[in-house]
Protein backbone atom coordinates (compact mmCIF):
# COMPACT_ATOMS: atom_id res chain seq x y z
CA MET A 1 0.00 0.00 0.00
CA ARG A 2 1.60 3.26 -1.14
CA HIS A 3 0.85 6.39 0.86
CA ASP A 4 0.80 9.89 -0.59
CA ALA A 5 3.14 11.64 1.79
CA SER A 6 3.46 14.82 -0.23
CA LYS A 7 1.53 16.90 2.29
CA ARG A 8 2.88 15.27 5.46
CA ILE A 9 6.64 15.67 5.18
CA SER A 10 8.52 17.25 8.07
CA PRO A 11 10.58 20.27 7.10
CA ARG A 12 14.32 19.47 6.97
CA HIS A 13 15.22 22.52 9.04
CA ILE A 14 12.78 23.94 11.54
CA SER A 15 13.57 27.43 12.80
CA ALA A 16 10.09 28.60 13.79
CA LEU A 17 6.80 26.98 14.78
CA ARG A 18 3.18 28.09 14.72
CA ASN A 19 1.19 27.79 17.96
CA ASN A 20 -0.19 24.32 17.14
CA GLU A 21 3.08 22.83 15.83
CA ILE A 22 5.32 20.47 17.83
CA PHE A 23 9.01 19.68 17.21
CA VAL A 24 9.50 15.92 17.78
CA PHE A 25 13.11 15.00 18.55
CA GLY A 26 15.31 12.25 19.86
CA SER A 27 16.53 12.67 23.41
CA ASN A 28 18.06 10.67 26.22
CA LEU A 29 16.20 9.47 29.29
CA GLN A 30 18.05 11.98 31.47
CA GLY A 31 16.85 14.92 29.34
CA GLN A 32 20.37 16.23 28.78
CA HIS A 33 19.69 18.09 25.54
CA GLY A 34 23.30 18.84 24.67
CA GLY A 35 23.48 18.35 20.92
CA GLY A 36 21.72 17.90 17.61
CA ALA A 37 17.96 18.31 17.39
CA ALA A 38 17.71 18.01 21.19
CA LEU A 39 19.80 21.13 21.65
CA ALA A 40 17.67 22.98 19.09
CA ALA A 41 14.53 21.83 20.94
CA TYR A 42 15.97 23.09 24.23
CA ARG A 43 17.21 26.43 22.90
CA ASN A 44 14.30 27.28 20.62
CA PHE A 45 11.10 25.40 21.37
CA GLY A 46 10.73 24.80 25.10
CA ALA A 47 12.30 21.40 25.78
CA VAL A 48 13.03 21.13 29.50
CA TRP A 49 16.48 20.13 30.78
CA GLY A 50 16.07 16.96 32.82
CA GLN A 51 12.90 15.84 30.97
CA GLY A 52 13.72 13.24 28.32
CA VAL A 53 10.23 11.97 27.48
CA GLY A 54 7.03 13.59 26.26
CA LEU A 55 5.55 17.01 25.64
CA HIS A 56 7.32 20.13 26.93
CA GLY A 57 6.72 23.56 25.41
CA GLN A 58 6.42 23.00 21.66
CA THR A 59 8.50 19.84 21.74
CA TYR A 60 7.95 16.13 22.18
CA ALA A 61 10.95 14.09 23.32
CA ILE A 62 11.44 10.45 22.37
CA PRO A 63 14.44 8.83 24.06
CA THR A 64 16.83 7.03 21.68
CA MET A 65 20.09 6.76 23.62
CA HIS A 66 19.30 3.89 26.02
CA GLY A 67 19.35 0.76 23.86
CA GLY A 68 18.33 -0.69 20.54
CA THR A 69 15.18 -0.16 18.50
CA GLU A 70 13.14 -2.57 20.64
CA GLU A 71 13.87 -0.42 23.70
CA ILE A 72 12.90 2.70 21.75
CA ARG A 73 9.67 1.25 20.30
CA PRO A 74 7.47 1.71 23.41
CA TYR A 75 8.29 5.43 23.47
CA VAL A 76 7.46 5.77 19.77
CA ASP A 77 4.18 3.91 20.31
CA GLU A 78 3.37 6.23 23.22
CA PHE A 79 4.07 9.25 20.98
CA ILE A 80 1.83 7.94 18.19
CA GLN A 81 -1.00 7.42 20.67
CA PHE A 82 -0.45 10.92 22.05
CA ALA A 83 -0.64 12.35 18.52
CA ARG A 84 -3.91 10.49 17.90
CA GLU A 85 -5.34 11.95 21.11
CA ASN A 86 -4.30 15.50 20.15
CA PRO A 87 -5.56 15.97 16.58
CA THR A 88 -5.40 19.78 16.72
CA LEU A 89 -1.60 19.65 17.03
CA LYS A 90 0.82 19.06 14.12
CA PHE A 91 3.83 16.92 14.99
CA PHE A 92 6.98 17.44 12.91
CA VAL A 93 9.14 14.37 13.46
CA THR A 94 12.86 14.89 12.94
CA ARG A 95 15.16 12.04 11.86
CA ILE A 96 14.99 10.73 15.42
CA GLY A 97 17.86 8.45 16.37
CA CYS A 98 19.79 9.09 13.14
CA GLY A 99 22.23 11.62 14.55
CA ILE A 100 24.10 11.25 17.83
CA ALA A 101 22.29 7.98 18.68
CA GLY A 102 23.82 6.39 15.56
CA PHE A 103 20.86 4.55 14.04
CA THR A 104 20.12 4.48 10.31
CA ASP A 105 16.93 5.73 8.67
CA GLN A 106 16.22 2.12 7.72
CA GLU A 107 16.33 1.14 11.40
CA MET A 108 14.25 4.03 12.75
CA ALA A 109 11.58 4.63 10.10
CA PRO A 110 9.80 1.27 10.63
CA LEU A 111 9.16 2.20 14.27
CA PHE A 112 6.92 4.98 12.92
CA ARG A 113 4.94 2.80 10.46
CA GLU A 114 1.69 3.27 12.43
CA ALA A 115 2.15 7.04 12.24
CA MET A 116 1.68 6.87 8.46
CA ASP A 117 -2.08 6.85 9.04
CA VAL A 118 -2.12 9.54 11.73
CA GLU A 119 -3.04 12.71 9.85
CA ASN A 120 -1.32 15.17 12.20
CA VAL A 121 2.09 13.42 12.16
CA TYR A 122 4.62 14.63 9.60
CA LEU A 123 7.61 12.37 8.92
CA PRO A 124 10.99 12.98 7.27
CA GLU A 125 10.80 12.60 3.50
CA LEU A 126 13.34 9.78 3.43
CA TRP A 127 11.31 7.79 5.93
CA TRP A 128 8.30 7.78 3.60
CA GLU A 129 10.56 6.18 0.99
CA VAL A 130 11.78 3.56 3.51
CA LEU A 131 8.23 2.81 4.69
């Protein structure tokens, strides 16, 4: 089944957000947002130091630094459910886990397969190709 992702692609670089937009990034469980998208989330969009999971300001943190994809999956599933429960928000998912955490797009994208059918979740363009 091929999905038309043309309208639900996360911007490659996010420098500003509207009131209903959420920057979804990879974090660590300790919420030490010291680099990559996590640092941008902390500096620009309201991520909270010491909070490595969930909604804070205009960010949603998904921890990716504590194990393999099976350890990450429950946090992704929790995010997808949260997005379903908050349809007035738009969630721009970054290439979570593909920076400092060291995963490939081919490893991370499948964790977000269920998000393909969640209308307010925007995924990286490359992930649509992987999925």
